[in-house]
Amino acid sequence: MAASAADFADEYLRSWIEPDPKRRRDLIMNMWAPDGRLTVSSPAMVVEGVDRIVDHVASLYDALKDLDFVYDQQIESGDALLLRWSMSTPAGELVKRGVNIVFRNAQGRVSRVHMFMDVD
């Protein structure tokens, strides 16, 4: 489990962008609580349970694998971590920006994520 907020953010980002499906699944399974919940603002959706989260991340990876993702802001408060992310083309053109609010349980595993899309 990641020791600092920065280490956690790096590991969390890897769980979304890891190209190898088995390694990506292992990262997600290790980071998320079994009953984790991902809520996405647009399209409005809720993904519950780590197995469904693995499937959701896989479908997004397949659709967005040619884009670059970075966190440009991280703010920690208690069990919550705000991660503002940017998605860009390989040439550096901004495609989309959003914010994830990540909540971790007492064991440090992700229990909930609220993902807000199209943030400036």
N, C-alpha and C. Protein backbone atom coordinates (compact mmCIF):
# COMPACT_ATOMS: atom_id res chain seq x y z
N MET A 1 0.85 -1.18 0.00
CA MET A 1 0.00 0.00 0.00
C MET A 1 0.89 1.24 0.00
N ALA A 2 0.53 2.25 -0.75
CA ALA A 2 1.32 3.47 -0.88
C ALA A 2 1.41 4.21 0.45
N ALA A 3 2.61 4.72 0.74
CA ALA A 3 2.85 5.38 2.02
C ALA A 3 2.40 6.84 2.04
N SER A 4 2.58 7.55 0.95
CA SER A 4 2.23 8.97 0.91
C SER A 4 1.12 9.21 -0.11
N ALA A 5 0.53 10.41 -0.04
CA ALA A 5 -0.52 10.77 -1.01
C ALA A 5 0.04 10.75 -2.43
N ALA A 6 1.27 11.24 -2.61
CA ALA A 6 1.88 11.26 -3.94
C ALA A 6 2.10 9.84 -4.46
N ASP A 7 2.60 8.95 -3.59
CA ASP A 7 2.81 7.56 -3.99
C ASP A 7 1.47 6.89 -4.32
N PHE A 8 0.47 7.16 -3.50
CA PHE A 8 -0.86 6.60 -3.75
C PHE A 8 -1.38 7.09 -5.10
N ALA A 9 -1.25 8.39 -5.38
CA ALA A 9 -1.73 8.95 -6.64
C ALA A 9 -1.02 8.30 -7.83
N ASP A 10 0.29 8.09 -7.72
CA ASP A 10 1.03 7.43 -8.80
C ASP A 10 0.51 6.02 -9.04
N GLU A 11 0.30 5.28 -7.96
CA GLU A 11 -0.19 3.91 -8.07
C GLU A 11 -1.62 3.88 -8.62
N TYR A 12 -2.44 4.83 -8.18
CA TYR A 12 -3.83 4.90 -8.65
C TYR A 12 -3.86 5.20 -10.15
N LEU A 13 -3.03 6.15 -10.60
CA LEU A 13 -2.97 6.46 -12.03
C LEU A 13 -2.51 5.24 -12.82
N ARG A 14 -1.51 4.54 -12.32
CA ARG A 14 -1.05 3.32 -13.01
C ARG A 14 -2.18 2.31 -13.17
N SER A 15 -3.08 2.25 -12.19
CA SER A 15 -4.18 1.29 -12.29
C SER A 15 -5.14 1.62 -13.43
N TRP A 16 -5.10 2.84 -13.92
CA TRP A 16 -5.95 3.24 -15.05
C TRP A 16 -5.22 3.14 -16.38
N ILE A 17 -3.90 3.27 -16.39
CA ILE A 17 -3.17 3.36 -17.67
C ILE A 17 -2.24 2.19 -17.95
N GLU A 18 -2.18 1.21 -17.07
CA GLU A 18 -1.33 0.03 -17.29
C GLU A 18 -1.79 -0.70 -18.55
N PRO A 19 -0.89 -0.89 -19.54
CA PRO A 19 -1.31 -1.52 -20.79
C PRO A 19 -1.58 -3.03 -20.68
N ASP A 20 -0.91 -3.72 -19.78
CA ASP A 20 -1.11 -5.16 -19.65
C ASP A 20 -2.38 -5.44 -18.84
N PRO A 21 -3.38 -6.09 -19.44
CA PRO A 21 -4.67 -6.30 -18.75
C PRO A 21 -4.54 -7.03 -17.41
N LYS A 22 -3.68 -8.04 -17.33
CA LYS A 22 -3.54 -8.77 -16.07
C LYS A 22 -2.92 -7.90 -14.99
N ARG A 23 -1.87 -7.16 -15.34
CA ARG A 23 -1.25 -6.27 -14.35
C ARG A 23 -2.21 -5.17 -13.92
N ARG A 24 -2.98 -4.64 -14.91
CA ARG A 24 -3.96 -3.59 -14.58
C ARG A 24 -5.00 -4.15 -13.61
N ARG A 25 -5.49 -5.34 -13.88
CA ARG A 25 -6.47 -5.97 -12.99
C ARG A 25 -5.88 -6.17 -11.60
N ASP A 26 -4.65 -6.66 -11.53
CA ASP A 26 -3.99 -6.88 -10.23
C ASP A 26 -3.85 -5.57 -9.46
N LEU A 27 -3.46 -4.49 -10.15
CA LEU A 27 -3.35 -3.19 -9.49
C LEU A 27 -4.69 -2.76 -8.91
N ILE A 28 -5.74 -2.88 -9.71
CA ILE A 28 -7.07 -2.47 -9.25
C ILE A 28 -7.53 -3.34 -8.08
N MET A 29 -7.34 -4.64 -8.20
CA MET A 29 -7.77 -5.55 -7.14
C MET A 29 -7.03 -5.26 -5.83
N ASN A 30 -5.77 -4.85 -5.92
CA ASN A 30 -4.99 -4.53 -4.72
C ASN A 30 -5.33 -3.17 -4.13
N MET A 31 -5.78 -2.24 -4.97
CA MET A 31 -6.04 -0.88 -4.50
C MET A 31 -7.45 -0.68 -3.96
N TRP A 32 -8.41 -1.36 -4.55
CA TRP A 32 -9.82 -1.13 -4.24
C TRP A 32 -10.34 -2.11 -3.19
N ALA A 33 -11.23 -1.63 -2.36
CA ALA A 33 -11.99 -2.50 -1.46
C ALA A 33 -12.93 -3.34 -2.33
N PRO A 34 -13.24 -4.58 -1.93
CA PRO A 34 -14.12 -5.43 -2.74
C PRO A 34 -15.46 -4.78 -3.07
N ASP A 35 -15.99 -3.97 -2.16
CA ASP A 35 -17.29 -3.33 -2.38
C ASP A 35 -17.14 -1.87 -2.81
N GLY A 36 -16.01 -1.54 -3.44
CA GLY A 36 -15.77 -0.17 -3.88
C GLY A 36 -16.86 0.34 -4.82
N ARG A 37 -16.97 1.66 -4.87
CA ARG A 37 -18.03 2.30 -5.67
C ARG A 37 -17.43 3.48 -6.42
N LEU A 38 -17.62 3.49 -7.75
CA LEU A 38 -17.16 4.57 -8.62
C LEU A 38 -18.39 5.28 -9.17
N THR A 39 -18.50 6.58 -8.89
CA THR A 39 -19.61 7.39 -9.39
C THR A 39 -19.04 8.38 -10.39
N VAL A 40 -19.60 8.40 -11.60
CA VAL A 40 -19.11 9.26 -12.68
C VAL A 40 -20.19 10.28 -13.00
N SER A 41 -19.78 11.56 -13.14
CA SER A 41 -20.76 12.63 -13.37
C SER A 41 -21.34 12.60 -14.78
N SER A 42 -20.51 12.33 -15.78
CA SER A 42 -20.98 12.37 -17.16
C SER A 42 -20.19 11.36 -17.99
N PRO A 43 -20.84 10.35 -18.52
CA PRO A 43 -22.26 10.09 -18.37
C PRO A 43 -22.57 9.65 -16.94
N ALA A 44 -23.74 10.02 -16.47
CA ALA A 44 -24.13 9.69 -15.10
C ALA A 44 -24.18 8.17 -14.96
N MET A 45 -23.29 7.66 -14.10
CA MET A 45 -23.26 6.21 -13.90
C MET A 45 -22.62 5.89 -12.57
N VAL A 46 -22.97 4.73 -12.05
CA VAL A 46 -22.39 4.20 -10.83
C VAL A 46 -21.91 2.79 -11.13
N VAL A 47 -20.66 2.53 -10.77
CA VAL A 47 -20.07 1.20 -10.96
C VAL A 47 -19.75 0.67 -9.56
N GLU A 48 -20.36 -0.45 -9.20
CA GLU A 48 -20.19 -0.99 -7.84
C GLU A 48 -19.52 -2.36 -7.88
N GLY A 49 -18.56 -2.54 -6.98
CA GLY A 49 -17.85 -3.81 -6.86
C GLY A 49 -16.57 -3.79 -7.67
N VAL A 50 -15.52 -4.34 -7.10
CA VAL A 50 -14.21 -4.25 -7.74
C VAL A 50 -14.17 -4.97 -9.09
N ASP A 51 -14.89 -6.06 -9.26
CA ASP A 51 -14.89 -6.75 -10.55
C ASP A 51 -15.49 -5.88 -11.65
N ARG A 52 -16.57 -5.19 -11.34
CA ARG A 52 -17.19 -4.28 -12.33
C ARG A 52 -16.29 -3.08 -12.59
N ILE A 53 -15.57 -2.63 -11.57
CA ILE A 53 -14.63 -1.51 -11.75
C ILE A 53 -13.50 -1.95 -12.68
N VAL A 54 -12.99 -3.16 -12.51
CA VAL A 54 -11.97 -3.70 -13.42
C VAL A 54 -12.48 -3.66 -14.85
N ASP A 55 -13.70 -4.12 -15.09
CA ASP A 55 -14.28 -4.13 -16.43
C ASP A 55 -14.44 -2.72 -16.98
N HIS A 56 -14.89 -1.79 -16.14
CA HIS A 56 -15.08 -0.40 -16.57
C HIS A 56 -13.75 0.23 -16.97
N VAL A 57 -12.73 0.05 -16.14
CA VAL A 57 -11.41 0.61 -16.44
C VAL A 57 -10.86 0.00 -17.73
N ALA A 58 -11.07 -1.30 -17.93
CA ALA A 58 -10.60 -1.95 -19.15
C ALA A 58 -11.25 -1.34 -20.39
N SER A 59 -12.56 -1.09 -20.33
CA SER A 59 -13.24 -0.52 -21.49
C SER A 59 -12.76 0.90 -21.76
N LEU A 60 -12.51 1.67 -20.70
CA LEU A 60 -11.97 3.02 -20.90
C LEU A 60 -10.56 2.97 -21.45
N TYR A 61 -9.75 2.07 -20.92
CA TYR A 61 -8.38 1.95 -21.42
C TYR A 61 -8.39 1.67 -22.92
N ASP A 62 -9.21 0.73 -23.34
CA ASP A 62 -9.27 0.37 -24.76
C ASP A 62 -9.67 1.57 -25.62
N ALA A 63 -10.57 2.41 -25.12
CA ALA A 63 -11.04 3.57 -25.88
C ALA A 63 -10.05 4.73 -25.86
N LEU A 64 -9.24 4.84 -24.80
CA LEU A 64 -8.42 6.04 -24.61
C LEU A 64 -6.92 5.76 -24.55
N LYS A 65 -6.49 4.57 -24.94
CA LYS A 65 -5.10 4.16 -24.74
C LYS A 65 -4.08 5.01 -25.48
N ASP A 66 -4.48 5.74 -26.49
CA ASP A 66 -3.54 6.57 -27.23
C ASP A 66 -3.37 7.96 -26.63
N LEU A 67 -4.05 8.25 -25.54
CA LEU A 67 -3.95 9.56 -24.89
C LEU A 67 -3.05 9.48 -23.67
N ASP A 68 -2.53 10.63 -23.27
CA ASP A 68 -1.67 10.73 -22.09
C ASP A 68 -2.47 11.30 -20.93
N PHE A 69 -2.28 10.73 -19.75
CA PHE A 69 -2.97 11.18 -18.53
C PHE A 69 -1.94 11.62 -17.51
N VAL A 70 -2.24 12.74 -16.84
CA VAL A 70 -1.40 13.21 -15.73
C VAL A 70 -2.32 13.80 -14.66
N TYR A 71 -1.83 13.77 -13.43
CA TYR A 71 -2.48 14.51 -12.36
C TYR A 71 -1.76 15.84 -12.24
N ASP A 72 -2.51 16.95 -12.38
CA ASP A 72 -1.87 18.26 -12.25
C ASP A 72 -2.16 18.92 -10.92
N GLN A 73 -2.95 18.28 -10.08
CA GLN A 73 -3.18 18.81 -8.74
C GLN A 73 -3.60 17.66 -7.82
N GLN A 74 -3.05 17.68 -6.61
CA GLN A 74 -3.40 16.69 -5.59
C GLN A 74 -3.57 17.42 -4.27
N ILE A 75 -4.70 17.17 -3.61
CA ILE A 75 -4.95 17.76 -2.29
C ILE A 75 -5.49 16.65 -1.41
N GLU A 76 -4.85 16.44 -0.26
CA GLU A 76 -5.27 15.40 0.67
C GLU A 76 -5.95 16.03 1.88
N SER A 77 -7.03 15.39 2.33
CA SER A 77 -7.72 15.82 3.55
C SER A 77 -8.31 14.58 4.21
N GLY A 78 -7.69 14.14 5.29
CA GLY A 78 -8.17 12.95 5.98
C GLY A 78 -8.12 11.73 5.09
N ASP A 79 -9.27 11.05 4.93
CA ASP A 79 -9.31 9.86 4.10
C ASP A 79 -9.64 10.17 2.64
N ALA A 80 -9.68 11.46 2.29
CA ALA A 80 -10.02 11.87 0.92
C ALA A 80 -8.80 12.45 0.22
N LEU A 81 -8.75 12.20 -1.08
CA LEU A 81 -7.69 12.75 -1.91
C LEU A 81 -8.33 13.29 -3.18
N LEU A 82 -8.12 14.59 -3.45
CA LEU A 82 -8.59 15.20 -4.69
C LEU A 82 -7.48 15.07 -5.71
N LEU A 83 -7.81 14.52 -6.86
CA LEU A 83 -6.87 14.36 -7.96
C LEU A 83 -7.45 15.03 -9.19
N ARG A 84 -6.87 16.17 -9.59
CA ARG A 84 -7.31 16.80 -10.84
C ARG A 84 -6.43 16.23 -11.94
N TRP A 85 -7.07 15.74 -13.00
CA TRP A 85 -6.33 15.09 -14.07
C TRP A 85 -6.57 15.79 -15.40
N SER A 86 -5.60 15.60 -16.28
CA SER A 86 -5.71 16.10 -17.65
C SER A 86 -5.42 14.94 -18.60
N MET A 87 -6.17 14.93 -19.70
CA MET A 87 -6.00 13.94 -20.75
C MET A 87 -5.60 14.72 -22.01
N SER A 88 -4.47 14.33 -22.61
CA SER A 88 -3.93 15.06 -23.76
C SER A 88 -3.55 14.11 -24.88
N THR A 89 -3.47 14.66 -26.08
CA THR A 89 -2.95 13.90 -27.21
C THR A 89 -1.43 13.79 -27.04
N PRO A 90 -0.79 12.86 -27.76
CA PRO A 90 0.67 12.78 -27.69
C PRO A 90 1.36 14.09 -28.08
N ALA A 91 0.70 14.93 -28.88
CA ALA A 91 1.25 16.23 -29.27
C ALA A 91 1.06 17.28 -28.19
N GLY A 92 0.35 16.94 -27.11
CA GLY A 92 0.17 17.87 -26.00
C GLY A 92 -1.12 18.67 -26.02
N GLU A 93 -2.01 18.40 -26.97
CA GLU A 93 -3.29 19.11 -27.04
C GLU A 93 -4.24 18.57 -25.96
N LEU A 94 -4.75 19.47 -25.12
CA LEU A 94 -5.67 19.07 -24.06
C LEU A 94 -6.98 18.55 -24.65
N VAL A 95 -7.39 17.37 -24.24
CA VAL A 95 -8.64 16.76 -24.70
C VAL A 95 -9.74 16.95 -23.67
N LYS A 96 -9.40 16.71 -22.40
CA LYS A 96 -10.40 16.78 -21.33
C LYS A 96 -9.68 16.92 -20.01
N ARG A 97 -10.38 17.52 -19.05
CA ARG A 97 -9.85 17.63 -17.69
C ARG A 97 -10.97 17.24 -16.73
N GLY A 98 -10.60 16.63 -15.63
CA GLY A 98 -11.58 16.23 -14.63
C GLY A 98 -10.98 16.17 -13.25
N VAL A 99 -11.81 15.82 -12.29
CA VAL A 99 -11.39 15.70 -10.90
C VAL A 99 -11.94 14.39 -10.35
N ASN A 100 -11.09 13.65 -9.68
CA ASN A 100 -11.51 12.47 -8.93
C ASN A 100 -11.36 12.80 -7.45
N ILE A 101 -12.40 12.53 -6.68
CA ILE A 101 -12.32 12.59 -5.23
C ILE A 101 -12.28 11.14 -4.76
N VAL A 102 -11.14 10.74 -4.22
CA VAL A 102 -10.90 9.35 -3.85
C VAL A 102 -10.96 9.23 -2.33
N PHE A 103 -11.80 8.32 -1.85
CA PHE A 103 -11.91 8.04 -0.41
C PHE A 103 -11.31 6.67 -0.14
N ARG A 104 -10.50 6.59 0.91
CA ARG A 104 -9.88 5.33 1.29
C ARG A 104 -10.41 4.86 2.64
N ASN A 105 -10.49 3.56 2.80
CA ASN A 105 -10.96 3.00 4.07
C ASN A 105 -9.80 2.90 5.07
N ALA A 106 -10.06 2.33 6.23
CA ALA A 106 -9.05 2.24 7.29
C ALA A 106 -7.84 1.42 6.86
N GLN A 107 -8.02 0.52 5.92
CA GLN A 107 -6.91 -0.29 5.41
C GLN A 107 -6.15 0.41 4.28
N GLY A 108 -6.59 1.61 3.90
CA GLY A 108 -5.94 2.36 2.83
C GLY A 108 -6.41 2.00 1.44
N ARG A 109 -7.43 1.15 1.34
CA ARG A 109 -7.95 0.76 0.03
C ARG A 109 -9.04 1.73 -0.40
N VAL A 110 -9.19 1.88 -1.70
CA VAL A 110 -10.20 2.79 -2.26
C VAL A 110 -11.58 2.23 -1.96
N SER A 111 -12.39 3.04 -1.28
CA SER A 111 -13.77 2.63 -0.99
C SER A 111 -14.77 3.32 -1.91
N ARG A 112 -14.48 4.58 -2.27
CA ARG A 112 -15.37 5.35 -3.16
C ARG A 112 -14.53 6.31 -3.99
N VAL A 113 -14.99 6.53 -5.20
CA VAL A 113 -14.43 7.58 -6.05
C VAL A 113 -15.60 8.32 -6.68
N HIS A 114 -15.55 9.64 -6.61
CA HIS A 114 -16.48 10.49 -7.33
C HIS A 114 -15.67 11.16 -8.43
N MET A 115 -16.04 10.87 -9.69
CA MET A 115 -15.31 11.38 -10.85
C MET A 115 -16.15 12.46 -11.52
N PHE A 116 -15.59 13.66 -11.57
CA PHE A 116 -16.26 14.80 -12.20
C PHE A 116 -15.55 15.11 -13.50
N MET A 117 -16.32 15.13 -14.58
CA MET A 117 -15.76 15.34 -15.91
C MET A 117 -15.88 16.81 -16.32
N ASP A 118 -15.08 17.19 -17.31
CA ASP A 118 -15.13 18.51 -17.93
C ASP A 118 -14.92 19.64 -16.94
N VAL A 119 -13.90 19.52 -16.12
CA VAL A 119 -13.53 20.54 -15.15
C VAL A 119 -12.49 21.45 -15.80
N ASP A 120 -12.59 22.74 -15.56
CA ASP A 120 -11.59 23.68 -16.10
C ASP A 120 -10.41 23.79 -15.17
